[in-house]
Amino acid sequence: MTVSAALREAYASGDDEGVIIETLEVDHASLDGPILLVRNVDGQLGEPGETMSLPLVEGGPRLPHLLCAFELIGPGADSDGPTDGKIRVDNVSDLLHGLLKGAIGYDQAIRVTIRFYRVLPGRVDEVTGPDDDSFSGLEMTAMELSADSAEGTIAWPDGRQQNVPSGPNAFFDRASYPALFT
């Protein structure tokens, strides 16, 4: 039985010994590489400032994630449509300050990915990839930075700017639908 299958079986059987590791990836075109963070609640995974290596995709290479404290409310939906999520990251304002400074002048959004890893205690080295319930494709729409924390609003991309009738994101193009353009 593979580790993933064993974890699914343990999770389905109500095994409460499993640990869920939450990670946050923040990326922008101005960065050399993404900022990778892992949520460290009450020092369970190590000391703040240490790193933990986790794969970003199933079977991929293990990349270092910085241990830090962050709070996360994922985006959702209600009867009025999509709702925004929130992120609050403590004690890494220097990392995010560089990100915000570098993002000035770009017309590209700051991209956010949230990943979850279910592991058994003491078996983090056996993790081969994140679970299927990760959030990818999110954009940071607003951010506030102070000396001790950074808070941001995350949301799904605004669909009103995608699949528009004309331009580079057009859902009808001249080649495929010539009758529409005569």
N, C-alpha and C. Protein backbone atom coordinates (compact mmCIF):
# COMPACT_ATOMS: atom_id res chain seq x y z
N MET A 1 0.85 -1.17 0.00
CA MET A 1 0.00 0.00 0.00
C MET A 1 0.90 1.24 0.00
N THR A 2 0.60 2.19 -0.85
CA THR A 2 1.39 3.41 -0.92
C THR A 2 1.07 4.30 0.28
N VAL A 3 1.93 5.27 0.52
CA VAL A 3 1.71 6.18 1.63
C VAL A 3 0.42 6.96 1.43
N SER A 4 0.16 7.43 0.19
CA SER A 4 -1.06 8.19 -0.09
C SER A 4 -2.30 7.34 0.19
N ALA A 5 -2.28 6.08 -0.24
CA ALA A 5 -3.42 5.19 0.00
C ALA A 5 -3.59 4.95 1.50
N ALA A 6 -2.49 4.78 2.20
CA ALA A 6 -2.56 4.56 3.64
C ALA A 6 -3.10 5.79 4.35
N LEU A 7 -2.70 6.97 3.89
CA LEU A 7 -3.21 8.20 4.50
C LEU A 7 -4.70 8.37 4.24
N ARG A 8 -5.14 8.06 3.01
CA ARG A 8 -6.57 8.16 2.70
C ARG A 8 -7.37 7.18 3.57
N GLU A 9 -6.84 5.98 3.74
CA GLU A 9 -7.51 4.99 4.57
C GLU A 9 -7.57 5.45 6.02
N ALA A 10 -6.45 5.98 6.52
CA ALA A 10 -6.42 6.46 7.90
C ALA A 10 -7.36 7.64 8.08
N TYR A 11 -7.41 8.53 7.11
CA TYR A 11 -8.28 9.71 7.21
C TYR A 11 -9.76 9.27 7.18
N ALA A 12 -10.09 8.32 6.31
CA ALA A 12 -11.47 7.85 6.18
C ALA A 12 -11.91 7.07 7.43
N SER A 13 -10.98 6.44 8.11
CA SER A 13 -11.34 5.64 9.28
C SER A 13 -11.46 6.48 10.54
N GLY A 14 -11.26 7.79 10.41
CA GLY A 14 -11.40 8.65 11.58
C GLY A 14 -10.16 8.68 12.44
N ASP A 15 -9.03 8.29 11.91
CA ASP A 15 -7.78 8.31 12.65
C ASP A 15 -7.42 9.76 12.96
N ASP A 16 -7.39 10.10 14.23
CA ASP A 16 -7.10 11.48 14.59
C ASP A 16 -5.63 11.73 14.89
N GLU A 17 -4.78 10.77 14.60
CA GLU A 17 -3.35 10.94 14.81
C GLU A 17 -2.68 11.67 13.65
N GLY A 18 -3.35 11.73 12.51
CA GLY A 18 -2.77 12.39 11.35
C GLY A 18 -2.64 13.89 11.57
N VAL A 19 -1.66 14.47 10.92
CA VAL A 19 -1.40 15.90 11.02
C VAL A 19 -1.61 16.51 9.63
N ILE A 20 -2.25 17.66 9.58
CA ILE A 20 -2.42 18.35 8.31
C ILE A 20 -1.44 19.52 8.30
N ILE A 21 -0.55 19.51 7.32
CA ILE A 21 0.42 20.59 7.15
C ILE A 21 -0.11 21.52 6.07
N GLU A 22 -0.21 22.81 6.40
CA GLU A 22 -0.69 23.81 5.45
C GLU A 22 0.49 24.61 4.94
N THR A 23 0.55 24.80 3.63
CA THR A 23 1.62 25.60 3.05
C THR A 23 1.02 26.72 2.20
N LEU A 24 1.83 27.74 2.01
CA LEU A 24 1.42 28.90 1.26
C LEU A 24 2.54 29.24 0.27
N GLU A 25 2.18 29.37 -0.99
CA GLU A 25 3.14 29.78 -2.03
C GLU A 25 2.69 31.14 -2.55
N VAL A 26 3.59 32.12 -2.50
CA VAL A 26 3.32 33.45 -3.00
C VAL A 26 4.31 33.71 -4.12
N ASP A 27 3.81 34.08 -5.30
CA ASP A 27 4.69 34.23 -6.46
C ASP A 27 4.29 35.46 -7.27
N HIS A 28 5.29 36.02 -7.94
CA HIS A 28 5.07 37.18 -8.80
C HIS A 28 6.16 37.19 -9.86
N ALA A 29 5.88 37.80 -10.98
CA ALA A 29 6.84 37.86 -12.08
C ALA A 29 8.13 38.57 -11.69
N SER A 30 8.08 39.44 -10.69
CA SER A 30 9.27 40.19 -10.28
C SER A 30 10.22 39.36 -9.41
N LEU A 31 9.78 38.19 -8.95
CA LEU A 31 10.60 37.35 -8.08
C LEU A 31 11.41 36.34 -8.89
N ASP A 32 12.55 35.96 -8.35
CA ASP A 32 13.35 34.90 -8.97
C ASP A 32 12.68 33.54 -8.80
N GLY A 33 11.99 33.36 -7.71
CA GLY A 33 11.27 32.13 -7.41
C GLY A 33 10.20 32.42 -6.38
N PRO A 34 9.26 31.52 -6.18
CA PRO A 34 8.17 31.77 -5.23
C PRO A 34 8.66 31.79 -3.78
N ILE A 35 7.89 32.47 -2.95
CA ILE A 35 8.11 32.44 -1.50
C ILE A 35 7.29 31.27 -0.99
N LEU A 36 7.94 30.31 -0.34
CA LEU A 36 7.27 29.10 0.15
C LEU A 36 7.26 29.11 1.67
N LEU A 37 6.07 29.04 2.26
CA LEU A 37 5.91 29.08 3.71
C LEU A 37 5.14 27.85 4.17
N VAL A 38 5.43 27.39 5.37
CA VAL A 38 4.66 26.30 5.97
C VAL A 38 4.16 26.79 7.33
N ARG A 39 2.89 26.52 7.60
CA ARG A 39 2.28 26.98 8.85
C ARG A 39 2.83 26.17 10.01
N ASN A 40 3.34 26.88 11.01
CA ASN A 40 3.93 26.26 12.18
C ASN A 40 3.12 26.68 13.39
N VAL A 41 2.23 25.81 13.85
CA VAL A 41 1.36 26.12 14.97
C VAL A 41 2.04 25.70 16.27
N ASP A 42 2.25 26.65 17.15
CA ASP A 42 2.84 26.39 18.47
C ASP A 42 4.16 25.63 18.39
N GLY A 43 4.93 25.84 17.34
CA GLY A 43 6.24 25.21 17.23
C GLY A 43 6.20 23.70 17.04
N GLN A 44 5.07 23.15 16.56
CA GLN A 44 4.95 21.70 16.40
C GLN A 44 5.95 21.14 15.38
N LEU A 45 6.26 21.92 14.35
CA LEU A 45 7.10 21.41 13.26
C LEU A 45 8.56 21.82 13.39
N GLY A 46 8.86 22.75 14.27
CA GLY A 46 10.22 23.25 14.43
C GLY A 46 10.20 24.68 14.91
N GLU A 47 11.36 25.27 14.92
CA GLU A 47 11.48 26.66 15.36
C GLU A 47 11.22 27.62 14.20
N PRO A 48 10.63 28.79 14.48
CA PRO A 48 10.44 29.78 13.42
C PRO A 48 11.77 30.13 12.77
N GLY A 49 11.75 30.24 11.45
CA GLY A 49 12.97 30.53 10.70
C GLY A 49 13.64 29.29 10.13
N GLU A 50 13.31 28.11 10.67
CA GLU A 50 13.83 26.87 10.10
C GLU A 50 13.05 26.54 8.83
N THR A 51 13.52 25.57 8.08
CA THR A 51 12.82 25.17 6.87
C THR A 51 12.41 23.71 6.93
N MET A 52 11.39 23.39 6.14
CA MET A 52 10.92 22.02 5.97
C MET A 52 10.81 21.77 4.48
N SER A 53 11.34 20.66 4.00
CA SER A 53 11.30 20.36 2.57
C SER A 53 10.06 19.54 2.23
N LEU A 54 9.29 20.05 1.27
CA LEU A 54 8.07 19.39 0.82
C LEU A 54 7.99 19.50 -0.70
N PRO A 55 7.42 18.49 -1.37
CA PRO A 55 7.23 18.58 -2.82
C PRO A 55 6.01 19.44 -3.15
N LEU A 56 6.09 20.19 -4.26
CA LEU A 56 4.96 21.02 -4.68
C LEU A 56 3.95 20.22 -5.49
N VAL A 57 4.42 19.17 -6.16
CA VAL A 57 3.55 18.29 -6.95
C VAL A 57 3.89 16.85 -6.61
N GLU A 58 2.98 15.96 -6.90
CA GLU A 58 3.18 14.54 -6.63
C GLU A 58 4.43 14.05 -7.32
N GLY A 59 5.38 13.51 -6.55
CA GLY A 59 6.61 12.96 -7.10
C GLY A 59 7.65 14.01 -7.47
N GLY A 60 7.38 15.27 -7.22
CA GLY A 60 8.30 16.34 -7.58
C GLY A 60 9.42 16.49 -6.57
N PRO A 61 10.37 17.38 -6.89
CA PRO A 61 11.48 17.59 -5.96
C PRO A 61 11.00 18.29 -4.69
N ARG A 62 11.68 18.01 -3.60
CA ARG A 62 11.35 18.62 -2.32
C ARG A 62 12.04 19.97 -2.23
N LEU A 63 11.24 21.02 -1.99
CA LEU A 63 11.76 22.38 -1.91
C LEU A 63 11.61 22.90 -0.48
N PRO A 64 12.56 23.72 -0.03
CA PRO A 64 12.48 24.23 1.35
C PRO A 64 11.36 25.25 1.53
N HIS A 65 10.58 25.07 2.57
CA HIS A 65 9.51 25.98 2.96
C HIS A 65 9.90 26.58 4.32
N LEU A 66 9.77 27.87 4.46
CA LEU A 66 10.10 28.56 5.70
C LEU A 66 9.00 28.36 6.72
N LEU A 67 9.36 27.91 7.93
CA LEU A 67 8.39 27.75 9.00
C LEU A 67 8.02 29.11 9.57
N CYS A 68 6.75 29.41 9.63
CA CYS A 68 6.30 30.67 10.21
C CYS A 68 4.84 30.54 10.64
N ALA A 69 4.37 31.55 11.34
CA ALA A 69 2.98 31.55 11.77
C ALA A 69 2.14 32.31 10.75
N PHE A 70 1.08 31.68 10.28
CA PHE A 70 0.13 32.41 9.45
C PHE A 70 -1.27 31.88 9.67
N GLU A 71 -2.22 32.76 9.44
CA GLU A 71 -3.63 32.40 9.52
C GLU A 71 -4.20 32.45 8.11
N LEU A 72 -5.14 31.57 7.86
CA LEU A 72 -5.66 31.44 6.51
C LEU A 72 -7.16 31.19 6.54
N ILE A 73 -7.87 31.99 5.77
CA ILE A 73 -9.29 31.76 5.51
C ILE A 73 -9.41 31.65 4.00
N GLY A 74 -9.71 30.47 3.52
CA GLY A 74 -9.78 30.25 2.08
C GLY A 74 -10.97 30.95 1.45
N PRO A 75 -10.88 31.25 0.15
CA PRO A 75 -12.02 31.86 -0.53
C PRO A 75 -13.17 30.87 -0.61
N GLY A 76 -14.37 31.40 -0.71
CA GLY A 76 -15.54 30.54 -0.75
C GLY A 76 -16.60 31.11 -1.66
N ALA A 77 -17.83 30.82 -1.33
CA ALA A 77 -18.97 31.33 -2.11
C ALA A 77 -20.19 31.37 -1.22
N ASP A 78 -21.06 32.32 -1.52
CA ASP A 78 -22.36 32.38 -0.86
C ASP A 78 -23.41 32.67 -1.93
N SER A 79 -24.60 33.05 -1.52
CA SER A 79 -25.67 33.25 -2.49
C SER A 79 -25.40 34.41 -3.44
N ASP A 80 -24.49 35.32 -3.07
CA ASP A 80 -24.16 36.44 -3.94
C ASP A 80 -22.97 36.17 -4.85
N GLY A 81 -22.39 34.99 -4.76
CA GLY A 81 -21.24 34.66 -5.59
C GLY A 81 -20.00 34.39 -4.77
N PRO A 82 -18.83 34.50 -5.39
CA PRO A 82 -17.58 34.19 -4.70
C PRO A 82 -17.29 35.17 -3.56
N THR A 83 -16.68 34.65 -2.50
CA THR A 83 -16.25 35.49 -1.39
C THR A 83 -14.73 35.45 -1.30
N ASP A 84 -14.15 36.52 -0.84
CA ASP A 84 -12.69 36.62 -0.73
C ASP A 84 -12.19 35.83 0.46
N GLY A 85 -10.94 35.45 0.39
CA GLY A 85 -10.25 34.82 1.50
C GLY A 85 -9.29 35.81 2.13
N LYS A 86 -8.70 35.43 3.24
CA LYS A 86 -7.76 36.30 3.95
C LYS A 86 -6.53 35.50 4.35
N ILE A 87 -5.40 36.20 4.33
CA ILE A 87 -4.14 35.63 4.81
C ILE A 87 -3.52 36.64 5.76
N ARG A 88 -3.01 36.16 6.87
CA ARG A 88 -2.24 36.99 7.80
C ARG A 88 -0.97 36.22 8.12
N VAL A 89 0.17 36.82 7.81
CA VAL A 89 1.46 36.18 8.02
C VAL A 89 2.24 37.00 9.05
N ASP A 90 2.73 36.34 10.09
CA ASP A 90 3.48 37.01 11.15
C ASP A 90 4.98 36.85 10.96
N ASN A 91 5.72 37.89 11.28
CA ASN A 91 7.18 37.89 11.38
C ASN A 91 7.93 37.57 10.10
N VAL A 92 7.34 37.78 8.95
CA VAL A 92 8.09 37.64 7.70
C VAL A 92 7.87 38.87 6.82
N SER A 93 7.62 40.00 7.46
CA SER A 93 7.32 41.20 6.70
C SER A 93 8.49 41.59 5.80
N ASP A 94 9.71 41.21 6.16
CA ASP A 94 10.85 41.54 5.28
C ASP A 94 10.76 40.80 3.96
N LEU A 95 10.32 39.55 3.97
CA LEU A 95 10.14 38.79 2.72
C LEU A 95 9.06 39.41 1.86
N LEU A 96 7.93 39.73 2.48
CA LEU A 96 6.81 40.25 1.72
C LEU A 96 7.02 41.71 1.33
N HIS A 97 7.82 42.43 2.08
CA HIS A 97 8.14 43.81 1.71
C HIS A 97 8.88 43.82 0.37
N GLY A 98 9.84 42.92 0.21
CA GLY A 98 10.55 42.81 -1.06
C GLY A 98 9.62 42.45 -2.21
N LEU A 99 8.66 41.59 -1.93
CA LEU A 99 7.68 41.20 -2.94
C LEU A 99 6.86 42.41 -3.38
N LEU A 100 6.33 43.15 -2.42
CA LEU A 100 5.50 44.31 -2.76
C LEU A 100 6.30 45.38 -3.48
N LYS A 101 7.52 45.60 -3.05
CA LYS A 101 8.37 46.61 -3.69
C LYS A 101 8.65 46.21 -5.14
N GLY A 102 8.91 44.93 -5.36
CA GLY A 102 9.18 44.44 -6.71
C GLY A 102 7.95 44.43 -7.61
N ALA A 103 6.75 44.35 -7.01
CA ALA A 103 5.52 44.27 -7.80
C ALA A 103 5.08 45.64 -8.35
N ILE A 104 5.65 46.70 -7.80
CA ILE A 104 5.27 48.04 -8.26
C ILE A 104 5.68 48.18 -9.73
N GLY A 105 4.77 48.64 -10.54
CA GLY A 105 5.05 48.86 -11.95
C GLY A 105 4.72 47.67 -12.84
N TYR A 106 4.36 46.54 -12.26
CA TYR A 106 3.96 45.37 -13.05
C TYR A 106 2.45 45.38 -13.20
N ASP A 107 1.97 44.85 -14.31
CA ASP A 107 0.53 44.74 -14.48
C ASP A 107 0.06 43.30 -14.24
N GLN A 108 0.89 42.53 -13.55
CA GLN A 108 0.54 41.15 -13.24
C GLN A 108 0.22 41.01 -11.77
N ALA A 109 -0.71 40.12 -11.47
CA ALA A 109 -1.15 39.92 -10.10
C ALA A 109 -0.14 39.08 -9.32
N ILE A 110 -0.20 39.20 -8.00
CA ILE A 110 0.55 38.32 -7.12
C ILE A 110 -0.27 37.04 -7.02
N ARG A 111 0.34 35.92 -7.35
CA ARG A 111 -0.35 34.63 -7.37
C ARG A 111 -0.13 33.90 -6.05
N VAL A 112 -1.18 33.22 -5.59
CA VAL A 112 -1.15 32.52 -4.31
C VAL A 112 -1.65 31.09 -4.52
N THR A 113 -0.93 30.14 -3.94
CA THR A 113 -1.36 28.74 -3.94
C THR A 113 -1.33 28.24 -2.50
N ILE A 114 -2.38 27.54 -2.11
CA ILE A 114 -2.48 26.96 -0.77
C ILE A 114 -2.50 25.45 -0.94
N ARG A 115 -1.59 24.78 -0.25
CA ARG A 115 -1.52 23.31 -0.35
C ARG A 115 -1.68 22.69 1.03
N PHE A 116 -2.24 21.49 1.05
CA PHE A 116 -2.43 20.74 2.29
C PHE A 116 -1.75 19.38 2.13
N TYR A 117 -1.07 18.95 3.17
CA TYR A 117 -0.40 17.65 3.20
C TYR A 117 -0.89 16.92 4.44
N ARG A 118 -1.45 15.72 4.28
CA ARG A 118 -1.85 14.90 5.42
C ARG A 118 -0.72 13.90 5.67
N VAL A 119 -0.19 13.94 6.88
CA VAL A 119 0.91 13.05 7.23
C VAL A 119 0.66 12.42 8.58
N LEU A 120 1.32 11.31 8.81
CA LEU A 120 1.28 10.68 10.12
C LEU A 120 2.44 11.24 10.94
N PRO A 121 2.28 11.38 12.24
CA PRO A 121 3.35 11.95 13.06
C PRO A 121 4.68 11.22 12.85
N GLY A 122 5.73 12.00 12.66
CA GLY A 122 7.06 11.43 12.49
C GLY A 122 7.34 10.88 11.11
N ARG A 123 6.42 11.04 10.16
CA ARG A 123 6.61 10.46 8.83
C ARG A 123 6.55 11.51 7.72
N VAL A 124 6.98 12.73 8.03
CA VAL A 124 6.97 13.80 7.05
C VAL A 124 7.87 13.47 5.86
N ASP A 125 8.96 12.77 6.09
CA ASP A 125 9.88 12.42 5.01
C ASP A 125 9.26 11.50 3.97
N GLU A 126 8.15 10.85 4.29
CA GLU A 126 7.50 9.93 3.37
C GLU A 126 6.47 10.60 2.47
N VAL A 127 6.23 11.88 2.65
CA VAL A 127 5.25 12.61 1.85
C VAL A 127 5.76 12.70 0.41
N THR A 128 4.90 12.33 -0.55
CA THR A 128 5.30 12.37 -1.96
C THR A 128 4.67 13.53 -2.71
N GLY A 129 3.67 14.17 -2.11
CA GLY A 129 3.02 15.30 -2.77
C GLY A 129 1.85 15.81 -1.96
N PRO A 130 1.30 16.96 -2.35
CA PRO A 130 0.15 17.53 -1.62
C PRO A 130 -1.13 16.75 -1.89
N ASP A 131 -2.11 16.99 -1.04
CA ASP A 131 -3.42 16.39 -1.23
C ASP A 131 -4.14 17.06 -2.40
N ASP A 132 -5.25 16.48 -2.79
CA ASP A 132 -6.00 16.98 -3.93
C ASP A 132 -6.84 18.21 -3.61
N ASP A 133 -6.95 18.58 -2.33
CA ASP A 133 -7.83 19.68 -1.96
C ASP A 133 -7.10 21.02 -1.82
N SER A 134 -6.05 21.21 -2.61
CA SER A 134 -5.31 22.46 -2.60
C SER A 134 -6.02 23.53 -3.40
N PHE A 135 -5.72 24.80 -3.11
CA PHE A 135 -6.24 25.94 -3.86
C PHE A 135 -5.12 26.48 -4.73
N SER A 136 -5.32 26.54 -6.03
CA SER A 136 -4.32 27.15 -6.91
C SER A 136 -5.04 28.15 -7.81
N GLY A 137 -4.28 29.06 -8.38
CA GLY A 137 -4.86 30.06 -9.27
C GLY A 137 -5.45 31.25 -8.56
N LEU A 138 -5.17 31.42 -7.27
CA LEU A 138 -5.69 32.57 -6.53
C LEU A 138 -4.82 33.80 -6.81
N GLU A 139 -5.40 34.97 -6.63
CA GLU A 139 -4.66 36.22 -6.79
C GLU A 139 -4.82 37.06 -5.52
N MET A 140 -3.75 37.74 -5.16
CA MET A 140 -3.82 38.65 -4.02
C MET A 140 -4.34 39.98 -4.54
N THR A 141 -5.47 40.41 -4.01
CA THR A 141 -6.12 41.62 -4.52
C THR A 141 -5.79 42.85 -3.69
N ALA A 142 -5.40 42.67 -2.45
CA ALA A 142 -5.03 43.79 -1.58
C ALA A 142 -4.07 43.26 -0.53
N MET A 143 -3.19 44.13 -0.04
CA MET A 143 -2.24 43.71 0.98
C MET A 143 -1.84 44.89 1.84
N GLU A 144 -1.73 44.64 3.14
CA GLU A 144 -1.25 45.63 4.09
C GLU A 144 -0.05 45.04 4.80
N LEU A 145 0.96 45.86 4.97
CA LEU A 145 2.21 45.40 5.56
C LEU A 145 2.56 46.28 6.75
N SER A 146 2.85 45.64 7.89
CA SER A 146 3.31 46.38 9.06
C SER A 146 4.64 45.77 9.50
N ALA A 147 5.20 46.28 10.57
CA ALA A 147 6.51 45.80 11.03
C ALA A 147 6.45 44.35 11.51
N ASP A 148 5.30 43.91 12.02
CA ASP A 148 5.26 42.56 12.57
C ASP A 148 4.36 41.58 11.81
N SER A 149 3.62 42.04 10.82
CA SER A 149 2.77 41.11 10.08
C SER A 149 2.40 41.67 8.71
N ALA A 150 1.88 40.78 7.89
CA ALA A 150 1.35 41.16 6.58
C ALA A 150 -0.03 40.53 6.45
N GLU A 151 -0.98 41.30 5.98
CA GLU A 151 -2.34 40.80 5.78
C GLU A 151 -2.74 41.04 4.34
N GLY A 152 -3.39 40.06 3.75
CA GLY A 152 -3.80 40.20 2.37
C GLY A 152 -5.15 39.59 2.11
N THR A 153 -5.78 40.06 1.06
CA THR A 153 -7.05 39.51 0.59
C THR A 153 -6.75 38.67 -0.64
N ILE A 154 -7.26 37.45 -0.67
CA ILE A 154 -7.05 36.57 -1.82
C ILE A 154 -8.40 36.23 -2.44
N ALA A 155 -8.39 36.08 -3.76
CA ALA A 155 -9.64 35.80 -4.46
C ALA A 155 -9.34 35.06 -5.75
N TRP A 156 -10.37 34.46 -6.31
CA TRP A 156 -10.23 33.86 -7.63
C TRP A 156 -10.12 35.00 -8.64
N PRO A 157 -9.47 34.80 -9.77
CA PRO A 157 -9.37 35.87 -10.77
C PRO A 157 -10.75 36.36 -11.20
N ASP A 158 -10.84 37.64 -11.49
CA ASP A 158 -12.10 38.25 -11.90
C ASP A 158 -12.47 37.74 -13.29
N GLY A 159 -13.51 36.96 -13.38
CA GLY A 159 -13.93 36.36 -14.65
C GLY A 159 -14.43 37.35 -15.67
N ARG A 160 -14.74 38.56 -15.22
CA ARG A 160 -15.22 39.56 -16.17
C ARG A 160 -14.14 40.00 -17.14
N GLN A 161 -12.88 39.73 -16.81
CA GLN A 161 -11.78 40.11 -17.69
C GLN A 161 -11.28 38.93 -18.52
N GLN A 162 -11.94 37.80 -18.40
CA GLN A 162 -11.55 36.61 -19.15
C GLN A 162 -12.67 36.25 -20.12
N ASN A 163 -12.30 35.67 -21.24
CA ASN A 163 -13.27 35.25 -22.26
C ASN A 163 -14.17 36.40 -22.69
N VAL A 164 -13.58 37.51 -22.97
CA VAL A 164 -14.33 38.67 -23.44
C VAL A 164 -14.52 38.57 -24.95
N PRO A 165 -15.47 39.30 -25.55
CA PRO A 165 -15.76 39.15 -26.97
C PRO A 165 -14.64 39.56 -27.92
N SER A 166 -13.71 40.40 -27.48
CA SER A 166 -12.62 40.81 -28.37
C SER A 166 -11.31 40.91 -27.59
N GLY A 167 -10.23 41.05 -28.31
CA GLY A 167 -8.92 41.17 -27.67
C GLY A 167 -8.23 39.82 -27.53
N PRO A 168 -7.12 39.77 -26.81
CA PRO A 168 -6.34 38.54 -26.72
C PRO A 168 -7.05 37.40 -25.98
N ASN A 169 -8.05 37.71 -25.14
CA ASN A 169 -8.78 36.68 -24.41
C ASN A 169 -10.16 36.40 -25.01
N ALA A 170 -10.34 36.72 -26.27
CA ALA A 170 -11.64 36.58 -26.91
C ALA A 170 -12.08 35.12 -27.00
N PHE A 171 -13.36 34.88 -26.74
CA PHE A 171 -13.86 33.53 -26.90
C PHE A 171 -14.35 33.27 -28.31
N PHE A 172 -14.53 34.31 -29.12
CA PHE A 172 -14.79 34.17 -30.54
C PHE A 172 -13.66 34.87 -31.28
N ASP A 173 -12.92 34.15 -32.10
CA ASP A 173 -11.84 34.78 -32.86
C ASP A 173 -12.17 34.78 -34.35
N ARG A 174 -11.46 35.60 -35.10
CA ARG A 174 -11.74 35.73 -36.53
C ARG A 174 -11.52 34.44 -37.29
N ALA A 175 -10.50 33.70 -36.92
CA ALA A 175 -10.18 32.48 -37.66
C ALA A 175 -11.27 31.41 -37.51
N SER A 176 -11.79 31.25 -36.31
CA SER A 176 -12.77 30.20 -36.06
C SER A 176 -14.21 30.63 -36.39
N TYR A 177 -14.51 31.93 -36.28
CA TYR A 177 -15.86 32.43 -36.49
C TYR A 177 -15.83 33.64 -37.44
N PRO A 178 -15.45 33.48 -38.70
CA PRO A 178 -15.32 34.62 -39.62
C PRO A 178 -16.64 35.35 -39.87
N ALA A 179 -17.78 34.67 -39.80
CA ALA A 179 -19.06 35.30 -40.08
C ALA A 179 -19.42 36.37 -39.06
N LEU A 180 -18.88 36.25 -37.85
CA LEU A 180 -19.18 37.23 -36.81
C LEU A 180 -18.48 38.56 -37.04
N PHE A 181 -17.45 38.55 -37.90
CA PHE A 181 -16.62 39.76 -38.08
C PHE A 181 -16.83 40.40 -39.44
N THR A 182 -17.91 40.06 -40.17
CA THR A 182 -18.16 40.67 -41.49
C THR A 182 -19.29 41.64 -41.43
